[in-house]
Amino acid sequence: MSRIGKLPVNLPQGVTVNVGDTNVVSVKGPLGELTQEVHKDIKVEVVGSELIITRPSDTKSHKSLHGLYRALIHNMVVGVSEGYKKELELVGVGYRAEAKGQNLEMSLGYSHDINVLLPEEVKVETKTERRANPIITLTSIDKQLIGHVAAKIRSLRPPEPYKGKGIKFVGEQLRRKAGKSASV
């Protein structure tokens, strides 16, 4: 269950980790800073250019927390060093998207336009080319936040299974259904 927890987290050049007395881990890198509170039983220590996470016993709850916090800290290290990016594609006639600062304005086939106010930590760009579907690109250092925002945008018009119209992730494979068959 906790094979992931046993792996050390490698710290790239320019990333520093500070473990506070109250089990708050803060990771600082070239793109920004993230913090995560860790359960009191899980011990985090920096050894050279690696981060080691240890657990006190082999109980099921400690094993699951061990893997969880190792994955969360690894995501923080990758986020502050490289960042995360999600791309959404709007499939449908007349669907469009336009970014105005932190406000994303979309036309998704409803009788009104939809405005989504994004958090400050998430940067948004839109790209619209002729004869191509509009693309929304989200970038952030926080993997949890960018996933939540992308899922929220996708839920405004999820792809339907017959024609594939809606908002989908770039590269996402949709299960398509056959339409009505003509009766003889």
N, C-alpha and C. Protein backbone atom coordinates (compact mmCIF):
# COMPACT_ATOMS: atom_id res chain seq x y z
N MET A 1 0.82 -1.19 0.00
CA MET A 1 0.00 0.00 0.00
C MET A 1 0.87 1.26 0.00
N SER A 2 2.03 1.22 0.65
CA SER A 2 2.83 2.44 0.75
C SER A 2 4.17 2.32 0.05
N ARG A 3 4.17 1.74 -1.12
CA ARG A 3 5.42 1.68 -1.88
C ARG A 3 5.82 3.08 -2.34
N ILE A 4 4.84 3.92 -2.59
CA ILE A 4 5.12 5.29 -3.01
C ILE A 4 5.75 6.07 -1.86
N GLY A 5 5.27 5.84 -0.63
CA GLY A 5 5.78 6.58 0.51
C GLY A 5 7.24 6.31 0.79
N LYS A 6 7.74 5.15 0.43
CA LYS A 6 9.13 4.79 0.69
C LYS A 6 10.10 5.52 -0.24
N LEU A 7 9.62 5.98 -1.40
CA LEU A 7 10.50 6.66 -2.35
C LEU A 7 10.88 8.04 -1.84
N PRO A 8 12.14 8.41 -1.92
CA PRO A 8 12.51 9.78 -1.53
C PRO A 8 12.09 10.77 -2.62
N VAL A 9 11.86 12.01 -2.21
CA VAL A 9 11.51 13.08 -3.15
C VAL A 9 12.78 13.83 -3.48
N ASN A 10 13.20 13.80 -4.75
CA ASN A 10 14.40 14.51 -5.17
C ASN A 10 14.09 16.00 -5.30
N LEU A 11 14.97 16.82 -4.75
CA LEU A 11 14.79 18.27 -4.82
C LEU A 11 15.65 18.83 -5.94
N PRO A 12 15.04 19.39 -6.99
CA PRO A 12 15.83 19.97 -8.08
C PRO A 12 16.57 21.23 -7.64
N GLN A 13 17.46 21.69 -8.50
CA GLN A 13 18.24 22.89 -8.23
C GLN A 13 17.31 24.09 -8.05
N GLY A 14 17.50 24.87 -6.99
CA GLY A 14 16.70 26.07 -6.78
C GLY A 14 15.46 25.85 -5.95
N VAL A 15 15.19 24.62 -5.49
CA VAL A 15 14.01 24.35 -4.68
C VAL A 15 14.46 24.11 -3.24
N THR A 16 13.85 24.83 -2.31
CA THR A 16 14.18 24.66 -0.89
C THR A 16 12.93 24.22 -0.15
N VAL A 17 13.13 23.35 0.85
CA VAL A 17 12.02 22.84 1.65
C VAL A 17 12.28 23.21 3.10
N ASN A 18 11.24 23.74 3.77
CA ASN A 18 11.34 24.08 5.17
C ASN A 18 10.25 23.33 5.92
N VAL A 19 10.66 22.55 6.94
CA VAL A 19 9.70 21.80 7.75
C VAL A 19 9.58 22.51 9.09
N GLY A 20 8.38 23.04 9.37
CA GLY A 20 8.16 23.78 10.61
C GLY A 20 7.93 22.86 11.80
N ASP A 21 7.89 23.45 12.99
CA ASP A 21 7.67 22.69 14.23
C ASP A 21 6.26 22.12 14.28
N THR A 22 5.31 22.79 13.66
CA THR A 22 3.91 22.33 13.70
C THR A 22 3.56 21.45 12.51
N ASN A 23 4.56 20.76 11.95
CA ASN A 23 4.38 19.85 10.81
C ASN A 23 3.77 20.55 9.60
N VAL A 24 4.24 21.76 9.32
CA VAL A 24 3.85 22.47 8.12
C VAL A 24 5.06 22.48 7.19
N VAL A 25 4.90 21.88 6.01
CA VAL A 25 5.97 21.81 5.04
C VAL A 25 5.76 22.92 4.02
N SER A 26 6.78 23.77 3.84
CA SER A 26 6.70 24.81 2.82
C SER A 26 7.80 24.57 1.80
N VAL A 27 7.41 24.62 0.54
CA VAL A 27 8.32 24.38 -0.57
C VAL A 27 8.41 25.66 -1.38
N LYS A 28 9.64 26.15 -1.58
CA LYS A 28 9.85 27.39 -2.30
C LYS A 28 10.73 27.10 -3.50
N GLY A 29 10.32 27.61 -4.67
CA GLY A 29 11.08 27.39 -5.90
C GLY A 29 11.03 28.61 -6.79
N PRO A 30 11.55 28.47 -8.02
CA PRO A 30 11.59 29.62 -8.92
C PRO A 30 10.21 30.13 -9.34
N LEU A 31 9.17 29.28 -9.32
CA LEU A 31 7.84 29.71 -9.75
C LEU A 31 6.95 30.19 -8.62
N GLY A 32 7.32 29.92 -7.36
CA GLY A 32 6.48 30.37 -6.25
C GLY A 32 6.70 29.54 -5.02
N GLU A 33 5.74 29.63 -4.09
CA GLU A 33 5.84 28.92 -2.82
C GLU A 33 4.51 28.26 -2.49
N LEU A 34 4.57 27.02 -1.97
CA LEU A 34 3.39 26.27 -1.57
C LEU A 34 3.60 25.73 -0.16
N THR A 35 2.51 25.60 0.61
CA THR A 35 2.60 25.02 1.95
C THR A 35 1.58 23.90 2.08
N GLN A 36 1.90 22.93 2.94
CA GLN A 36 1.02 21.79 3.18
C GLN A 36 1.17 21.37 4.64
N GLU A 37 0.05 21.23 5.33
CA GLU A 37 0.10 20.73 6.71
C GLU A 37 0.13 19.21 6.65
N VAL A 38 1.03 18.61 7.43
CA VAL A 38 1.23 17.16 7.44
C VAL A 38 0.70 16.61 8.76
N HIS A 39 0.14 15.40 8.71
CA HIS A 39 -0.38 14.73 9.92
C HIS A 39 0.73 14.61 10.96
N LYS A 40 0.36 14.71 12.24
CA LYS A 40 1.36 14.74 13.30
C LYS A 40 2.18 13.45 13.43
N ASP A 41 1.65 12.33 12.95
CA ASP A 41 2.39 11.07 13.04
C ASP A 41 3.44 10.91 11.94
N ILE A 42 3.28 11.58 10.84
CA ILE A 42 4.20 11.46 9.70
C ILE A 42 5.37 12.42 9.90
N LYS A 43 6.59 11.89 9.73
CA LYS A 43 7.79 12.70 9.94
C LYS A 43 8.45 13.01 8.60
N VAL A 44 8.75 14.29 8.38
CA VAL A 44 9.37 14.74 7.13
C VAL A 44 10.73 15.34 7.48
N GLU A 45 11.78 14.90 6.76
CA GLU A 45 13.11 15.45 7.01
C GLU A 45 13.87 15.58 5.70
N VAL A 46 14.72 16.61 5.65
CA VAL A 46 15.54 16.87 4.47
C VAL A 46 16.91 16.26 4.70
N VAL A 47 17.35 15.38 3.78
CA VAL A 47 18.66 14.75 3.86
C VAL A 47 19.38 15.03 2.54
N GLY A 48 20.31 15.98 2.56
CA GLY A 48 21.02 16.36 1.34
C GLY A 48 20.06 17.02 0.37
N SER A 49 19.98 16.47 -0.84
CA SER A 49 19.06 17.00 -1.84
C SER A 49 17.84 16.10 -2.01
N GLU A 50 17.49 15.38 -0.94
CA GLU A 50 16.31 14.51 -0.96
C GLU A 50 15.45 14.78 0.25
N LEU A 51 14.17 14.47 0.11
CA LEU A 51 13.20 14.62 1.18
C LEU A 51 12.74 13.22 1.55
N ILE A 52 12.87 12.84 2.83
CA ILE A 52 12.50 11.51 3.30
C ILE A 52 11.26 11.64 4.17
N ILE A 53 10.25 10.81 3.88
CA ILE A 53 9.02 10.79 4.66
C ILE A 53 8.95 9.44 5.35
N THR A 54 8.76 9.44 6.68
CA THR A 54 8.72 8.19 7.44
C THR A 54 7.43 8.13 8.25
N ARG A 55 7.04 6.89 8.60
CA ARG A 55 5.84 6.66 9.39
C ARG A 55 6.23 5.89 10.66
N PRO A 56 5.44 6.03 11.73
CA PRO A 56 5.82 5.38 12.99
C PRO A 56 5.53 3.88 13.04
N SER A 57 4.50 3.40 12.34
CA SER A 57 4.14 1.97 12.42
C SER A 57 3.62 1.49 11.07
N ASP A 58 3.27 0.22 11.00
CA ASP A 58 2.77 -0.37 9.77
C ASP A 58 1.26 -0.55 9.78
N THR A 59 0.55 0.26 10.55
CA THR A 59 -0.91 0.16 10.53
C THR A 59 -1.43 0.68 9.19
N LYS A 60 -2.64 0.28 8.87
CA LYS A 60 -3.21 0.66 7.57
C LYS A 60 -3.33 2.17 7.42
N SER A 61 -3.75 2.85 8.47
CA SER A 61 -3.92 4.30 8.37
C SER A 61 -2.57 5.00 8.20
N HIS A 62 -1.54 4.54 8.89
CA HIS A 62 -0.22 5.15 8.74
C HIS A 62 0.36 4.89 7.35
N LYS A 63 0.11 3.71 6.80
CA LYS A 63 0.59 3.41 5.45
C LYS A 63 -0.08 4.31 4.42
N SER A 64 -1.39 4.51 4.56
CA SER A 64 -2.09 5.34 3.59
C SER A 64 -1.68 6.81 3.72
N LEU A 65 -1.51 7.30 4.94
CA LEU A 65 -1.05 8.68 5.13
C LEU A 65 0.37 8.87 4.61
N HIS A 66 1.20 7.83 4.75
CA HIS A 66 2.59 7.88 4.29
C HIS A 66 2.63 8.13 2.78
N GLY A 67 1.90 7.35 2.02
CA GLY A 67 1.86 7.52 0.57
C GLY A 67 1.20 8.82 0.15
N LEU A 68 0.14 9.21 0.87
CA LEU A 68 -0.58 10.44 0.56
C LEU A 68 0.32 11.66 0.67
N TYR A 69 0.99 11.81 1.81
CA TYR A 69 1.80 13.00 2.02
C TYR A 69 3.04 13.01 1.15
N ARG A 70 3.58 11.85 0.82
CA ARG A 70 4.72 11.81 -0.10
C ARG A 70 4.28 12.31 -1.47
N ALA A 71 3.09 11.88 -1.94
CA ALA A 71 2.59 12.32 -3.24
C ALA A 71 2.27 13.81 -3.24
N LEU A 72 1.67 14.31 -2.16
CA LEU A 72 1.34 15.73 -2.09
C LEU A 72 2.60 16.60 -2.11
N ILE A 73 3.62 16.18 -1.35
CA ILE A 73 4.87 16.95 -1.30
C ILE A 73 5.59 16.88 -2.64
N HIS A 74 5.56 15.71 -3.29
CA HIS A 74 6.18 15.58 -4.62
C HIS A 74 5.48 16.51 -5.62
N ASN A 75 4.15 16.57 -5.57
CA ASN A 75 3.40 17.46 -6.46
C ASN A 75 3.76 18.93 -6.20
N MET A 76 4.01 19.28 -4.94
CA MET A 76 4.41 20.64 -4.62
C MET A 76 5.78 20.96 -5.20
N VAL A 77 6.72 20.01 -5.08
CA VAL A 77 8.08 20.21 -5.60
C VAL A 77 8.05 20.38 -7.12
N VAL A 78 7.29 19.53 -7.80
CA VAL A 78 7.17 19.64 -9.26
C VAL A 78 6.48 20.95 -9.64
N GLY A 79 5.49 21.36 -8.87
CA GLY A 79 4.75 22.59 -9.17
C GLY A 79 5.62 23.83 -9.08
N VAL A 80 6.44 23.96 -8.03
CA VAL A 80 7.25 25.17 -7.88
C VAL A 80 8.47 25.16 -8.79
N SER A 81 8.83 23.99 -9.34
CA SER A 81 9.99 23.95 -10.23
C SER A 81 9.58 23.98 -11.71
N GLU A 82 8.51 23.27 -12.09
CA GLU A 82 8.10 23.20 -13.49
C GLU A 82 6.72 23.81 -13.73
N GLY A 83 5.79 23.62 -12.81
CA GLY A 83 4.42 24.10 -12.98
C GLY A 83 3.55 23.05 -13.65
N TYR A 84 2.26 23.26 -13.65
CA TYR A 84 1.30 22.35 -14.27
C TYR A 84 0.48 23.09 -15.31
N LYS A 85 0.03 22.34 -16.30
CA LYS A 85 -0.73 22.92 -17.41
C LYS A 85 -1.85 21.98 -17.80
N LYS A 86 -3.05 22.51 -17.96
CA LYS A 86 -4.21 21.75 -18.43
C LYS A 86 -4.79 22.47 -19.63
N GLU A 87 -5.16 21.70 -20.65
CA GLU A 87 -5.76 22.28 -21.85
C GLU A 87 -7.15 21.69 -22.06
N LEU A 88 -8.13 22.55 -22.27
CA LEU A 88 -9.50 22.14 -22.54
C LEU A 88 -9.88 22.59 -23.94
N GLU A 89 -10.66 21.75 -24.61
CA GLU A 89 -11.07 22.02 -25.98
C GLU A 89 -12.59 22.15 -26.03
N LEU A 90 -13.09 23.21 -26.69
CA LEU A 90 -14.52 23.41 -26.83
C LEU A 90 -14.95 22.86 -28.19
N VAL A 91 -15.76 21.80 -28.17
CA VAL A 91 -16.21 21.15 -29.40
C VAL A 91 -17.68 21.47 -29.59
N GLY A 92 -18.01 22.18 -30.65
CA GLY A 92 -19.39 22.51 -30.94
C GLY A 92 -19.48 23.74 -31.81
N VAL A 93 -20.53 23.82 -32.60
CA VAL A 93 -20.71 24.95 -33.50
C VAL A 93 -21.06 26.19 -32.68
N GLY A 94 -20.31 27.26 -32.86
CA GLY A 94 -20.57 28.51 -32.17
C GLY A 94 -19.99 28.58 -30.77
N TYR A 95 -19.31 27.54 -30.30
CA TYR A 95 -18.71 27.59 -28.97
C TYR A 95 -17.47 28.46 -29.05
N ARG A 96 -17.32 29.36 -28.08
CA ARG A 96 -16.15 30.23 -28.07
C ARG A 96 -15.77 30.53 -26.63
N ALA A 97 -14.51 30.96 -26.46
CA ALA A 97 -14.01 31.32 -25.14
C ALA A 97 -13.10 32.54 -25.29
N GLU A 98 -13.16 33.43 -24.29
CA GLU A 98 -12.33 34.62 -24.31
C GLU A 98 -11.90 34.93 -22.88
N ALA A 99 -10.58 35.13 -22.69
CA ALA A 99 -10.05 35.44 -21.37
C ALA A 99 -9.86 36.94 -21.24
N LYS A 100 -10.40 37.49 -20.16
CA LYS A 100 -10.23 38.91 -19.85
C LYS A 100 -9.66 38.99 -18.44
N GLY A 101 -8.33 38.94 -18.33
CA GLY A 101 -7.69 38.91 -17.02
C GLY A 101 -7.97 37.58 -16.35
N GLN A 102 -8.58 37.61 -15.16
CA GLN A 102 -8.92 36.37 -14.45
C GLN A 102 -10.36 35.96 -14.72
N ASN A 103 -11.02 36.60 -15.66
CA ASN A 103 -12.40 36.28 -15.99
C ASN A 103 -12.42 35.53 -17.32
N LEU A 104 -13.05 34.37 -17.35
CA LEU A 104 -13.18 33.56 -18.56
C LEU A 104 -14.62 33.64 -19.03
N GLU A 105 -14.82 34.19 -20.23
CA GLU A 105 -16.17 34.35 -20.78
C GLU A 105 -16.35 33.32 -21.89
N MET A 106 -17.39 32.48 -21.78
CA MET A 106 -17.62 31.40 -22.73
C MET A 106 -19.04 31.44 -23.27
N SER A 107 -19.16 31.08 -24.54
CA SER A 107 -20.45 30.89 -25.17
C SER A 107 -20.54 29.40 -25.49
N LEU A 108 -21.45 28.69 -24.80
CA LEU A 108 -21.51 27.23 -24.89
C LEU A 108 -22.84 26.71 -25.39
N GLY A 109 -23.55 27.50 -26.18
CA GLY A 109 -24.80 27.03 -26.75
C GLY A 109 -26.00 27.28 -25.87
N TYR A 110 -25.83 27.92 -24.73
CA TYR A 110 -26.96 28.28 -23.90
C TYR A 110 -27.51 29.62 -24.39
N SER A 111 -28.61 30.09 -23.80
CA SER A 111 -29.20 31.36 -24.21
C SER A 111 -28.41 32.55 -23.67
N HIS A 112 -27.41 32.28 -22.83
CA HIS A 112 -26.62 33.35 -22.23
C HIS A 112 -25.14 32.93 -22.21
N ASP A 113 -24.27 33.91 -22.10
CA ASP A 113 -22.85 33.62 -21.95
C ASP A 113 -22.56 33.25 -20.50
N ILE A 114 -21.51 32.46 -20.32
CA ILE A 114 -21.12 32.03 -18.98
C ILE A 114 -19.81 32.69 -18.62
N ASN A 115 -19.75 33.34 -17.46
CA ASN A 115 -18.54 33.97 -16.96
C ASN A 115 -18.03 33.18 -15.77
N VAL A 116 -16.75 32.85 -15.79
CA VAL A 116 -16.12 32.13 -14.69
C VAL A 116 -14.98 32.98 -14.17
N LEU A 117 -15.01 33.31 -12.87
CA LEU A 117 -13.93 34.06 -12.25
C LEU A 117 -12.93 33.06 -11.68
N LEU A 118 -11.70 33.11 -12.16
CA LEU A 118 -10.67 32.14 -11.77
C LEU A 118 -9.85 32.68 -10.60
N PRO A 119 -9.31 31.79 -9.76
CA PRO A 119 -8.45 32.23 -8.66
C PRO A 119 -7.18 32.89 -9.19
N GLU A 120 -6.55 33.72 -8.35
CA GLU A 120 -5.34 34.44 -8.74
C GLU A 120 -4.19 33.50 -9.08
N GLU A 121 -4.15 32.30 -8.47
CA GLU A 121 -3.04 31.37 -8.68
C GLU A 121 -3.08 30.70 -10.04
N VAL A 122 -4.22 30.77 -10.73
CA VAL A 122 -4.40 30.10 -12.02
C VAL A 122 -4.35 31.16 -13.12
N LYS A 123 -3.48 30.95 -14.10
CA LYS A 123 -3.40 31.83 -15.27
C LYS A 123 -4.15 31.16 -16.42
N VAL A 124 -4.88 31.96 -17.19
CA VAL A 124 -5.68 31.41 -18.28
C VAL A 124 -5.31 32.09 -19.59
N GLU A 125 -5.28 31.28 -20.66
CA GLU A 125 -5.09 31.80 -22.02
C GLU A 125 -6.08 31.09 -22.92
N THR A 126 -6.57 31.79 -23.92
CA THR A 126 -7.46 31.17 -24.89
C THR A 126 -6.86 31.33 -26.28
N LYS A 127 -7.09 30.33 -27.11
CA LYS A 127 -6.58 30.37 -28.48
C LYS A 127 -7.71 29.94 -29.40
N THR A 128 -8.03 30.81 -30.36
CA THR A 128 -9.08 30.51 -31.33
C THR A 128 -8.51 30.71 -32.73
N GLU A 129 -8.54 29.65 -33.52
CA GLU A 129 -8.08 29.73 -34.91
C GLU A 129 -9.24 29.35 -35.82
N ARG A 130 -9.18 29.83 -37.05
CA ARG A 130 -10.23 29.48 -38.00
C ARG A 130 -10.21 27.99 -38.29
N ARG A 131 -11.38 27.40 -38.38
CA ARG A 131 -11.57 25.98 -38.70
C ARG A 131 -10.95 25.05 -37.65
N ALA A 132 -10.79 25.55 -36.42
CA ALA A 132 -10.29 24.72 -35.32
C ALA A 132 -11.10 25.04 -34.06
N ASN A 133 -11.17 24.08 -33.17
CA ASN A 133 -11.90 24.28 -31.92
C ASN A 133 -11.13 25.22 -31.00
N PRO A 134 -11.83 26.08 -30.26
CA PRO A 134 -11.15 26.95 -29.30
C PRO A 134 -10.49 26.12 -28.19
N ILE A 135 -9.31 26.56 -27.74
CA ILE A 135 -8.55 25.88 -26.70
C ILE A 135 -8.40 26.82 -25.51
N ILE A 136 -8.69 26.31 -24.31
CA ILE A 136 -8.47 27.05 -23.07
C ILE A 136 -7.26 26.42 -22.39
N THR A 137 -6.22 27.21 -22.09
CA THR A 137 -5.02 26.70 -21.44
C THR A 137 -4.94 27.29 -20.04
N LEU A 138 -4.90 26.41 -19.03
CA LEU A 138 -4.77 26.82 -17.64
C LEU A 138 -3.38 26.45 -17.15
N THR A 139 -2.68 27.35 -16.47
CA THR A 139 -1.37 27.06 -15.89
C THR A 139 -1.36 27.51 -14.44
N SER A 140 -0.69 26.71 -13.59
CA SER A 140 -0.59 27.02 -12.17
C SER A 140 0.53 26.19 -11.55
N ILE A 141 0.90 26.53 -10.32
CA ILE A 141 1.89 25.71 -9.61
C ILE A 141 1.21 24.72 -8.68
N ASP A 142 -0.08 24.89 -8.44
CA ASP A 142 -0.83 24.04 -7.52
C ASP A 142 -1.63 23.00 -8.31
N LYS A 143 -1.23 21.74 -8.21
CA LYS A 143 -1.87 20.68 -9.00
C LYS A 143 -3.33 20.46 -8.59
N GLN A 144 -3.61 20.51 -7.30
CA GLN A 144 -4.98 20.31 -6.83
C GLN A 144 -5.90 21.41 -7.33
N LEU A 145 -5.44 22.64 -7.23
CA LEU A 145 -6.27 23.78 -7.63
C LEU A 145 -6.54 23.79 -9.13
N ILE A 146 -5.52 23.53 -9.94
CA ILE A 146 -5.71 23.55 -11.39
C ILE A 146 -6.63 22.42 -11.84
N GLY A 147 -6.53 21.26 -11.18
CA GLY A 147 -7.44 20.15 -11.50
C GLY A 147 -8.87 20.48 -11.14
N HIS A 148 -9.05 21.13 -10.00
CA HIS A 148 -10.40 21.51 -9.55
C HIS A 148 -11.02 22.54 -10.49
N VAL A 149 -10.23 23.55 -10.89
CA VAL A 149 -10.74 24.59 -11.79
C VAL A 149 -11.07 24.00 -13.16
N ALA A 150 -10.20 23.11 -13.68
CA ALA A 150 -10.45 22.49 -14.98
C ALA A 150 -11.71 21.62 -14.94
N ALA A 151 -11.91 20.89 -13.85
CA ALA A 151 -13.11 20.06 -13.72
C ALA A 151 -14.37 20.92 -13.61
N LYS A 152 -14.25 22.06 -12.94
CA LYS A 152 -15.39 22.97 -12.81
C LYS A 152 -15.78 23.55 -14.18
N ILE A 153 -14.78 23.94 -14.98
CA ILE A 153 -15.06 24.46 -16.32
C ILE A 153 -15.68 23.37 -17.19
N ARG A 154 -15.13 22.14 -17.12
CA ARG A 154 -15.64 21.03 -17.93
C ARG A 154 -17.08 20.70 -17.55
N SER A 155 -17.45 20.87 -16.26
CA SER A 155 -18.80 20.52 -15.82
C SER A 155 -19.86 21.48 -16.34
N LEU A 156 -19.45 22.64 -16.88
CA LEU A 156 -20.42 23.58 -17.44
C LEU A 156 -21.09 23.02 -18.69
N ARG A 157 -20.38 22.21 -19.46
CA ARG A 157 -20.95 21.55 -20.64
C ARG A 157 -20.13 20.28 -20.90
N PRO A 158 -20.40 19.20 -20.15
CA PRO A 158 -19.62 17.97 -20.36
C PRO A 158 -19.89 17.39 -21.75
N PRO A 159 -18.93 16.69 -22.33
CA PRO A 159 -19.12 16.16 -23.68
C PRO A 159 -20.24 15.11 -23.71
N GLU A 160 -21.09 15.22 -24.71
CA GLU A 160 -22.18 14.25 -24.83
C GLU A 160 -21.72 13.09 -25.72
N PRO A 161 -22.28 11.89 -25.54
CA PRO A 161 -21.73 10.70 -26.18
C PRO A 161 -22.10 10.50 -27.65
N TYR A 162 -23.03 11.28 -28.21
CA TYR A 162 -23.47 11.02 -29.58
C TYR A 162 -22.66 11.80 -30.60
N LYS A 163 -22.53 13.10 -30.43
CA LYS A 163 -21.75 13.91 -31.37
C LYS A 163 -20.42 14.36 -30.78
N GLY A 164 -20.25 14.22 -29.46
CA GLY A 164 -19.02 14.64 -28.81
C GLY A 164 -18.96 16.12 -28.51
N LYS A 165 -20.10 16.83 -28.58
CA LYS A 165 -20.11 18.26 -28.31
C LYS A 165 -19.95 18.52 -26.82
N GLY A 166 -19.22 19.58 -26.49
CA GLY A 166 -19.03 19.96 -25.10
C GLY A 166 -17.59 20.36 -24.84
N ILE A 167 -17.22 20.45 -23.58
CA ILE A 167 -15.86 20.80 -23.18
C ILE A 167 -15.14 19.52 -22.79
N LYS A 168 -14.01 19.26 -23.44
CA LYS A 168 -13.23 18.06 -23.11
C LYS A 168 -11.77 18.44 -22.97
N PHE A 169 -11.02 17.59 -22.28
CA PHE A 169 -9.59 17.79 -22.16
C PHE A 169 -8.93 17.45 -23.48
N VAL A 170 -7.87 18.16 -23.83
CA VAL A 170 -7.15 17.87 -25.07
C VAL A 170 -6.54 16.48 -24.95
N GLY A 171 -6.82 15.61 -25.90
CA GLY A 171 -6.30 14.25 -25.88
C GLY A 171 -7.22 13.26 -25.18
N GLU A 172 -8.33 13.71 -24.62
CA GLU A 172 -9.26 12.82 -23.93
C GLU A 172 -10.01 11.96 -24.94
N GLN A 173 -10.10 10.67 -24.67
CA GLN A 173 -10.84 9.75 -25.52
C GLN A 173 -12.26 9.63 -24.99
N LEU A 174 -13.23 9.92 -25.84
CA LEU A 174 -14.63 9.84 -25.44
C LEU A 174 -15.25 8.55 -25.95
N ARG A 175 -16.12 7.98 -25.15
CA ARG A 175 -16.87 6.79 -25.59
C ARG A 175 -18.07 7.29 -26.38
N ARG A 176 -18.12 6.94 -27.64
CA ARG A 176 -19.19 7.40 -28.52
C ARG A 176 -20.25 6.31 -28.64
N LYS A 177 -21.51 6.74 -28.74
CA LYS A 177 -22.62 5.82 -28.93
C LYS A 177 -23.14 5.94 -30.35
N ALA A 178 -23.72 4.87 -30.85
CA ALA A 178 -24.35 4.91 -32.15
C ALA A 178 -25.71 5.59 -32.01
N GLY A 179 -26.10 6.33 -33.04
CA GLY A 179 -27.40 7.01 -33.01
C GLY A 179 -28.52 6.04 -33.30
N LYS A 180 -29.69 6.57 -33.55
CA LYS A 180 -30.84 5.71 -33.86
C LYS A 180 -30.60 5.02 -35.19
N SER A 181 -31.00 3.78 -35.26
CA SER A 181 -30.92 3.08 -36.54
C SER A 181 -32.28 3.15 -37.22
N ALA A 182 -32.26 3.28 -38.52
CA ALA A 182 -33.51 3.43 -39.28
C ALA A 182 -34.27 2.10 -39.27
N SER A 183 -35.59 2.18 -39.10
CA SER A 183 -36.39 0.95 -39.10
C SER A 183 -36.76 0.59 -40.55
N VAL A 184 -36.88 -0.69 -40.79
CA VAL A 184 -37.13 -1.16 -42.15
C VAL A 184 -38.61 -1.29 -42.42
